[in-house]
């Protein structure tokens, strides 16, 4: 094998390695984007499950006079983010918001809700047609 052939083989090998590196970088980029989408979807599903728990509790209490129950919702979302839940009586909605600026809403069946839902243990009652959350 002549020196010219060796140089040509080395050049072809370097071009091949360069092309492989480009494909590898593109592949890693695609995997990273998909991983972020999966993570966002998982967090949204977790928030939706928490919101459904709260809306089901409020809706059940709104149908049953004398209702009392303690229910628990996690302190943080699955990724460790803080969240808050707000009740909008006049709109018959509740909303969960978390640190990344995202939110989800759900319908409730009553406009008569007093109190606030907090992460952790919550007490819910219905007295005289009013659903009370964490109130005596």
N, C-alpha and C. Protein backbone atom coordinates (compact mmCIF):
# COMPACT_ATOMS: atom_id res chain seq x y z
N UNK A 1 0.85 -1.16 0.00
CA UNK A 1 0.00 0.00 0.00
C UNK A 1 0.90 1.24 0.00
N UNK A 2 0.64 2.14 -0.90
CA UNK A 2 1.48 3.33 -1.02
C UNK A 2 1.07 4.37 0.02
N UNK A 3 1.92 5.35 0.17
CA UNK A 3 1.66 6.43 1.13
C UNK A 3 0.41 7.21 0.73
N UNK A 4 0.18 7.39 -0.57
CA UNK A 4 -0.99 8.11 -1.06
C UNK A 4 -2.26 7.35 -0.71
N UNK A 5 -2.25 6.04 -0.84
CA UNK A 5 -3.42 5.22 -0.51
C UNK A 5 -3.71 5.26 1.00
N UNK A 6 -2.64 5.26 1.81
CA UNK A 6 -2.81 5.34 3.26
C UNK A 6 -3.42 6.69 3.65
N UNK A 7 -2.98 7.75 3.03
CA UNK A 7 -3.50 9.08 3.33
C UNK A 7 -4.96 9.18 2.93
N UNK A 8 -5.28 8.58 1.77
CA UNK A 8 -6.67 8.60 1.32
C UNK A 8 -7.56 7.80 2.27
N UNK A 9 -7.09 6.66 2.74
CA UNK A 9 -7.86 5.84 3.68
C UNK A 9 -8.06 6.58 5.00
N UNK A 10 -7.04 7.28 5.45
CA UNK A 10 -7.16 8.06 6.69
C UNK A 10 -8.17 9.18 6.54
N UNK A 11 -8.16 9.86 5.40
CA UNK A 11 -9.11 10.94 5.14
C UNK A 11 -10.53 10.39 5.10
N UNK A 12 -10.74 9.29 4.42
CA UNK A 12 -12.07 8.68 4.34
C UNK A 12 -12.55 8.26 5.73
N UNK A 13 -11.65 7.72 6.53
CA UNK A 13 -12.00 7.30 7.88
C UNK A 13 -12.43 8.51 8.71
N UNK A 14 -11.70 9.61 8.62
CA UNK A 14 -12.03 10.83 9.37
C UNK A 14 -13.39 11.39 8.92
N UNK A 15 -13.66 11.36 7.63
CA UNK A 15 -14.96 11.83 7.13
C UNK A 15 -16.06 10.94 7.67
N UNK A 16 -15.85 9.64 7.67
CA UNK A 16 -16.83 8.69 8.20
C UNK A 16 -17.10 8.96 9.68
N UNK A 17 -16.05 9.16 10.46
CA UNK A 17 -16.19 9.45 11.89
C UNK A 17 -16.95 10.77 12.08
N UNK A 18 -16.66 11.78 11.27
CA UNK A 18 -17.36 13.07 11.34
C UNK A 18 -18.85 12.91 11.08
N UNK A 19 -19.20 12.13 10.05
CA UNK A 19 -20.61 11.89 9.74
C UNK A 19 -21.30 11.16 10.89
N UNK A 20 -20.63 10.17 11.47
CA UNK A 20 -21.19 9.45 12.62
C UNK A 20 -21.42 10.40 13.80
N UNK A 21 -20.49 11.30 14.03
CA UNK A 21 -20.65 12.26 15.13
C UNK A 21 -21.85 13.18 14.90
N UNK A 22 -22.06 13.63 13.68
CA UNK A 22 -23.20 14.48 13.37
C UNK A 22 -24.50 13.73 13.64
N UNK A 23 -24.59 12.48 13.16
CA UNK A 23 -25.80 11.69 13.41
C UNK A 23 -26.01 11.45 14.91
N UNK A 24 -24.93 11.22 15.65
CA UNK A 24 -25.02 10.99 17.09
C UNK A 24 -25.56 12.23 17.80
N UNK A 25 -25.06 13.40 17.44
CA UNK A 25 -25.52 14.65 18.05
C UNK A 25 -27.00 14.88 17.75
N UNK A 26 -27.43 14.63 16.52
CA UNK A 26 -28.84 14.79 16.16
C UNK A 26 -29.70 13.81 16.95
N UNK A 27 -29.24 12.57 17.07
CA UNK A 27 -29.98 11.55 17.82
C UNK A 27 -30.13 11.95 19.28
N UNK A 28 -29.06 12.41 19.90
CA UNK A 28 -29.12 12.83 21.31
C UNK A 28 -30.07 14.01 21.47
N UNK A 29 -30.08 14.94 20.53
CA UNK A 29 -31.00 16.07 20.58
C UNK A 29 -32.45 15.64 20.52
N UNK A 30 -32.75 14.70 19.64
CA UNK A 30 -34.13 14.20 19.51
C UNK A 30 -34.56 13.48 20.77
N UNK A 31 -33.70 12.66 21.32
CA UNK A 31 -34.02 11.93 22.55
C UNK A 31 -34.25 12.91 23.70
N UNK A 32 -33.45 13.97 23.79
CA UNK A 32 -33.62 14.97 24.85
C UNK A 32 -34.95 15.68 24.75
N UNK A 33 -35.36 16.05 23.55
CA UNK A 33 -36.65 16.73 23.36
C UNK A 33 -37.79 15.80 23.74
N UNK A 34 -37.72 14.56 23.30
CA UNK A 34 -38.78 13.60 23.64
C UNK A 34 -38.84 13.35 25.14
N UNK A 35 -37.70 13.31 25.80
CA UNK A 35 -37.66 13.10 27.24
C UNK A 35 -38.35 14.26 27.97
N UNK A 36 -38.12 15.50 27.52
CA UNK A 36 -38.79 16.66 28.13
C UNK A 36 -40.29 16.59 27.93
N UNK A 37 -40.74 16.17 26.74
CA UNK A 37 -42.17 16.06 26.49
C UNK A 37 -42.80 14.99 27.38
N UNK A 38 -42.12 13.88 27.55
CA UNK A 38 -42.63 12.81 28.42
C UNK A 38 -42.70 13.30 29.87
N UNK A 39 -41.69 14.03 30.31
CA UNK A 39 -41.67 14.58 31.66
C UNK A 39 -42.82 15.56 31.87
N UNK A 40 -43.04 16.47 30.91
CA UNK A 40 -44.15 17.43 31.01
C UNK A 40 -45.49 16.72 31.06
N UNK A 41 -45.65 15.68 30.25
CA UNK A 41 -46.90 14.92 30.23
C UNK A 41 -47.13 14.23 31.57
N UNK A 42 -46.09 13.67 32.14
CA UNK A 42 -46.20 12.99 33.44
C UNK A 42 -46.61 13.97 34.53
N UNK A 43 -46.01 15.15 34.53
CA UNK A 43 -46.36 16.17 35.53
C UNK A 43 -47.80 16.62 35.35
N UNK A 44 -48.21 16.85 34.11
CA UNK A 44 -49.59 17.27 33.84
C UNK A 44 -50.59 16.22 34.29
N UNK A 45 -50.29 14.95 34.04
CA UNK A 45 -51.19 13.86 34.48
C UNK A 45 -51.27 13.81 36.00
N UNK A 46 -50.14 14.00 36.67
CA UNK A 46 -50.14 14.02 38.13
C UNK A 46 -50.99 15.17 38.66
N UNK A 47 -50.84 16.34 38.08
CA UNK A 47 -51.64 17.51 38.48
C UNK A 47 -53.12 17.26 38.20
N UNK A 48 -53.42 16.66 37.07
CA UNK A 48 -54.81 16.36 36.72
C UNK A 48 -55.43 15.37 37.71
N UNK A 49 -54.67 14.37 38.14
CA UNK A 49 -55.17 13.41 39.13
C UNK A 49 -55.47 14.09 40.46
N UNK A 50 -54.60 15.00 40.89
CA UNK A 50 -54.84 15.74 42.12
C UNK A 50 -56.09 16.60 41.99
N UNK A 51 -56.22 17.29 40.87
CA UNK A 51 -57.38 18.14 40.62
C UNK A 51 -58.66 17.33 40.60
N UNK A 52 -58.63 16.15 39.98
CA UNK A 52 -59.81 15.28 39.95
C UNK A 52 -60.19 14.81 41.35
N UNK A 53 -59.21 14.52 42.18
CA UNK A 53 -59.49 14.13 43.57
C UNK A 53 -60.24 15.23 44.29
N UNK A 54 -59.75 16.46 44.15
CA UNK A 54 -60.38 17.59 44.84
C UNK A 54 -61.77 17.86 44.28
N UNK A 55 -61.92 17.87 42.96
CA UNK A 55 -63.24 18.15 42.38
C UNK A 55 -64.24 17.06 42.75
N UNK A 56 -63.81 15.80 42.79
CA UNK A 56 -64.71 14.72 43.21
C UNK A 56 -65.15 14.89 44.66
N UNK A 57 -64.23 15.30 45.52
CA UNK A 57 -64.59 15.53 46.93
C UNK A 57 -65.60 16.67 47.05
N UNK A 58 -65.37 17.76 46.33
CA UNK A 58 -66.29 18.90 46.39
C UNK A 58 -67.65 18.50 45.83
N UNK A 59 -67.66 17.80 44.70
CA UNK A 59 -68.93 17.40 44.08
C UNK A 59 -69.71 16.42 44.96
N UNK A 60 -69.01 15.49 45.59
CA UNK A 60 -69.68 14.55 46.49
C UNK A 60 -70.26 15.28 47.69
N UNK A 61 -69.48 16.19 48.27
CA UNK A 61 -69.95 16.95 49.42
C UNK A 61 -71.15 17.83 49.05
N UNK A 62 -71.16 18.36 47.84
CA UNK A 62 -72.26 19.25 47.44
C UNK A 62 -73.59 18.52 47.32
N UNK A 63 -73.57 17.19 47.22
CA UNK A 63 -74.80 16.41 47.08
C UNK A 63 -75.28 15.80 48.40
N UNK A 64 -74.49 15.89 49.47
CA UNK A 64 -74.81 15.17 50.70
C UNK A 64 -74.73 16.09 51.91
N UNK A 65 -75.89 16.46 52.44
CA UNK A 65 -75.93 17.30 53.64
C UNK A 65 -75.34 16.52 54.82
N UNK A 66 -74.54 17.19 55.64
CA UNK A 66 -73.90 16.55 56.78
C UNK A 66 -72.65 15.77 56.41
N UNK A 67 -72.20 15.90 55.21
CA UNK A 67 -71.02 15.19 54.72
C UNK A 67 -69.78 15.64 55.49
N UNK A 68 -68.92 14.69 55.83
CA UNK A 68 -67.63 14.99 56.44
C UNK A 68 -66.63 13.97 55.95
N UNK A 69 -65.46 14.45 55.58
CA UNK A 69 -64.42 13.53 55.15
C UNK A 69 -63.07 14.25 55.21
N UNK A 70 -62.04 13.47 55.49
CA UNK A 70 -60.66 13.95 55.37
C UNK A 70 -60.09 13.32 54.11
N UNK A 71 -59.40 14.13 53.33
CA UNK A 71 -58.73 13.58 52.16
C UNK A 71 -57.33 14.17 52.07
N UNK A 72 -56.47 13.44 51.43
CA UNK A 72 -55.06 13.82 51.35
C UNK A 72 -54.68 14.07 49.89
N UNK A 73 -53.97 15.15 49.66
CA UNK A 73 -53.34 15.37 48.36
C UNK A 73 -51.85 15.60 48.61
N UNK A 74 -51.00 15.18 47.69
CA UNK A 74 -49.55 15.25 47.93
C UNK A 74 -49.06 16.68 48.19
N UNK A 75 -47.96 16.77 48.93
CA UNK A 75 -47.36 18.06 49.25
C UNK A 75 -46.78 18.73 48.01
N UNK A 76 -46.25 17.94 47.08
CA UNK A 76 -45.65 18.46 45.86
C UNK A 76 -46.03 17.57 44.69
N UNK A 77 -45.86 18.09 43.50
CA UNK A 77 -46.08 17.27 42.30
C UNK A 77 -44.98 16.24 42.17
N UNK A 78 -45.15 15.34 41.24
CA UNK A 78 -44.25 14.20 41.06
C UNK A 78 -42.80 14.62 40.85
N UNK A 79 -42.55 15.79 40.28
CA UNK A 79 -41.18 16.24 40.04
C UNK A 79 -40.66 17.15 41.15
N UNK A 80 -41.43 17.29 42.22
CA UNK A 80 -41.00 18.11 43.35
C UNK A 80 -41.44 19.56 43.27
N UNK A 81 -42.22 19.92 42.25
CA UNK A 81 -42.69 21.30 42.12
C UNK A 81 -43.83 21.58 43.09
N UNK A 82 -43.87 22.81 43.60
CA UNK A 82 -44.99 23.27 44.42
C UNK A 82 -46.18 23.55 43.52
N UNK A 83 -47.35 23.49 44.11
CA UNK A 83 -48.56 23.80 43.35
C UNK A 83 -49.58 24.44 44.29
N UNK A 84 -50.59 25.05 43.68
CA UNK A 84 -51.68 25.63 44.48
C UNK A 84 -53.00 25.33 43.77
N UNK A 85 -54.06 25.25 44.58
CA UNK A 85 -55.39 25.00 44.05
C UNK A 85 -56.28 26.16 44.44
N UNK A 86 -56.99 26.71 43.47
CA UNK A 86 -57.88 27.85 43.69
C UNK A 86 -59.29 27.46 43.29
N UNK A 87 -60.27 27.82 44.12
CA UNK A 87 -61.68 27.59 43.82
C UNK A 87 -62.29 28.90 43.33
N UNK A 88 -62.94 28.84 42.18
CA UNK A 88 -63.66 29.98 41.62
C UNK A 88 -65.15 29.67 41.70
N UNK A 89 -65.79 30.13 42.80
CA UNK A 89 -67.19 29.81 43.07
C UNK A 89 -68.12 30.25 41.95
N UNK A 90 -68.02 31.51 41.54
CA UNK A 90 -68.98 32.04 40.56
C UNK A 90 -68.86 31.36 39.21
N UNK A 91 -67.70 30.84 38.90
CA UNK A 91 -67.49 30.14 37.63
C UNK A 91 -67.70 28.63 37.75
N UNK A 92 -67.84 28.15 38.99
CA UNK A 92 -67.93 26.72 39.27
C UNK A 92 -66.73 25.97 38.71
N UNK A 93 -65.55 26.51 39.02
CA UNK A 93 -64.29 25.93 38.55
C UNK A 93 -63.30 25.83 39.69
N UNK A 94 -62.41 24.87 39.57
CA UNK A 94 -61.21 24.86 40.41
C UNK A 94 -60.02 24.75 39.47
N UNK A 95 -58.92 25.37 39.90
CA UNK A 95 -57.73 25.40 39.06
C UNK A 95 -56.53 24.98 39.88
N UNK A 96 -55.67 24.16 39.27
CA UNK A 96 -54.39 23.82 39.87
C UNK A 96 -53.31 24.48 39.03
N UNK A 97 -52.39 25.15 39.71
CA UNK A 97 -51.27 25.84 39.06
C UNK A 97 -49.99 25.33 39.70
N UNK A 98 -48.96 25.15 38.88
CA UNK A 98 -47.68 24.74 39.45
C UNK A 98 -46.57 25.64 38.96
N UNK A 99 -45.38 25.47 39.60
CA UNK A 99 -44.25 26.40 39.46
C UNK A 99 -43.85 26.71 38.02
N UNK A 100 -43.98 25.76 37.13
CA UNK A 100 -43.52 26.01 35.76
C UNK A 100 -44.48 26.88 34.96
N UNK A 101 -45.51 27.42 35.62
CA UNK A 101 -46.44 28.33 34.96
C UNK A 101 -47.59 27.66 34.25
N UNK A 102 -47.74 26.38 34.41
CA UNK A 102 -48.82 25.65 33.76
C UNK A 102 -50.00 25.54 34.71
N UNK A 103 -51.19 25.29 34.15
CA UNK A 103 -52.37 25.09 34.98
C UNK A 103 -53.39 24.22 34.26
N UNK A 104 -54.31 23.67 35.05
CA UNK A 104 -55.41 22.86 34.55
C UNK A 104 -56.64 23.25 35.36
N UNK A 105 -57.82 23.25 34.72
CA UNK A 105 -59.06 23.56 35.43
C UNK A 105 -60.02 22.38 35.35
N UNK A 106 -60.94 22.34 36.31
CA UNK A 106 -62.00 21.33 36.34
C UNK A 106 -63.28 21.97 36.83
N UNK A 107 -64.40 21.42 36.42
CA UNK A 107 -65.71 21.92 36.83
C UNK A 107 -66.11 21.35 38.19
N UNK A 108 -66.86 22.15 38.94
CA UNK A 108 -67.49 21.67 40.17
C UNK A 108 -68.98 21.97 40.06
N UNK A 109 -69.79 21.31 40.90
CA UNK A 109 -71.24 21.39 40.77
C UNK A 109 -71.90 22.44 41.65
N UNK A 110 -71.14 23.17 42.42
CA UNK A 110 -71.75 24.12 43.34
C UNK A 110 -71.00 25.45 43.33
N UNK A 111 -71.72 26.50 43.69
CA UNK A 111 -71.10 27.81 43.87
C UNK A 111 -70.85 28.09 45.35
N UNK A 112 -71.29 27.21 46.21
CA UNK A 112 -71.24 27.43 47.65
C UNK A 112 -70.06 26.69 48.28
N UNK A 113 -68.86 27.16 48.02
CA UNK A 113 -67.65 26.56 48.60
C UNK A 113 -66.93 27.63 49.39
N UNK A 114 -66.58 27.29 50.62
CA UNK A 114 -65.81 28.19 51.46
C UNK A 114 -64.52 27.50 51.86
N UNK A 115 -63.46 28.29 51.99
CA UNK A 115 -62.19 27.75 52.43
C UNK A 115 -61.25 27.49 51.27
N UNK A 116 -60.09 26.98 51.63
CA UNK A 116 -59.04 26.72 50.65
C UNK A 116 -58.52 25.30 50.76
N UNK A 117 -58.20 24.74 49.61
CA UNK A 117 -57.57 23.42 49.55
C UNK A 117 -56.07 23.63 49.64
N UNK A 118 -55.41 22.86 50.49
CA UNK A 118 -53.96 22.96 50.63
C UNK A 118 -53.33 21.59 50.45
N UNK A 119 -52.09 21.55 49.97
CA UNK A 119 -51.41 20.26 49.91
C UNK A 119 -51.33 19.64 51.30
N UNK A 120 -51.51 18.34 51.37
CA UNK A 120 -51.53 17.64 52.64
C UNK A 120 -52.93 17.17 52.96
N UNK A 121 -53.26 17.08 54.26
CA UNK A 121 -54.57 16.61 54.69
C UNK A 121 -55.56 17.76 54.71
N UNK A 122 -56.75 17.52 54.16
CA UNK A 122 -57.82 18.52 54.10
C UNK A 122 -59.09 17.92 54.69
N UNK A 123 -59.89 18.76 55.35
CA UNK A 123 -61.20 18.36 55.86
C UNK A 123 -62.26 19.02 54.99
N UNK A 124 -63.27 18.26 54.62
CA UNK A 124 -64.35 18.82 53.82
C UNK A 124 -65.68 18.44 54.47
N UNK A 125 -66.57 19.42 54.62
CA UNK A 125 -67.88 19.18 55.21
C UNK A 125 -68.93 19.92 54.38
N UNK A 126 -70.19 19.53 54.60
CA UNK A 126 -71.30 20.30 54.03
C UNK A 126 -72.29 20.55 55.15
N UNK A 127 -72.51 21.82 55.42
CA UNK A 127 -73.44 22.24 56.45
C UNK A 127 -74.32 23.35 55.89
N UNK A 128 -75.62 23.19 56.03
CA UNK A 128 -76.59 24.19 55.57
C UNK A 128 -76.39 24.56 54.10
N UNK A 129 -76.06 23.58 53.29
CA UNK A 129 -75.92 23.80 51.85
C UNK A 129 -74.59 24.38 51.43
N UNK A 130 -73.66 24.58 52.36
CA UNK A 130 -72.37 25.17 52.04
C UNK A 130 -71.28 24.12 52.23
N UNK A 131 -70.45 23.95 51.20
CA UNK A 131 -69.31 23.05 51.29
C UNK A 131 -68.16 23.84 51.92
N UNK A 132 -67.63 23.32 53.00
CA UNK A 132 -66.56 24.00 53.72
C UNK A 132 -65.30 23.13 53.66
N UNK A 133 -64.22 23.76 53.26
CA UNK A 133 -62.94 23.06 53.17
C UNK A 133 -61.99 23.66 54.19
N UNK A 134 -61.50 22.84 55.09
CA UNK A 134 -60.56 23.26 56.15
C UNK A 134 -61.13 24.40 56.99
N UNK A 135 -62.43 24.38 57.23
CA UNK A 135 -63.07 25.35 58.11
C UNK A 135 -63.88 24.60 59.15
N UNK A 136 -63.96 25.15 60.32
CA UNK A 136 -64.74 24.50 61.40
C UNK A 136 -66.17 24.93 61.36
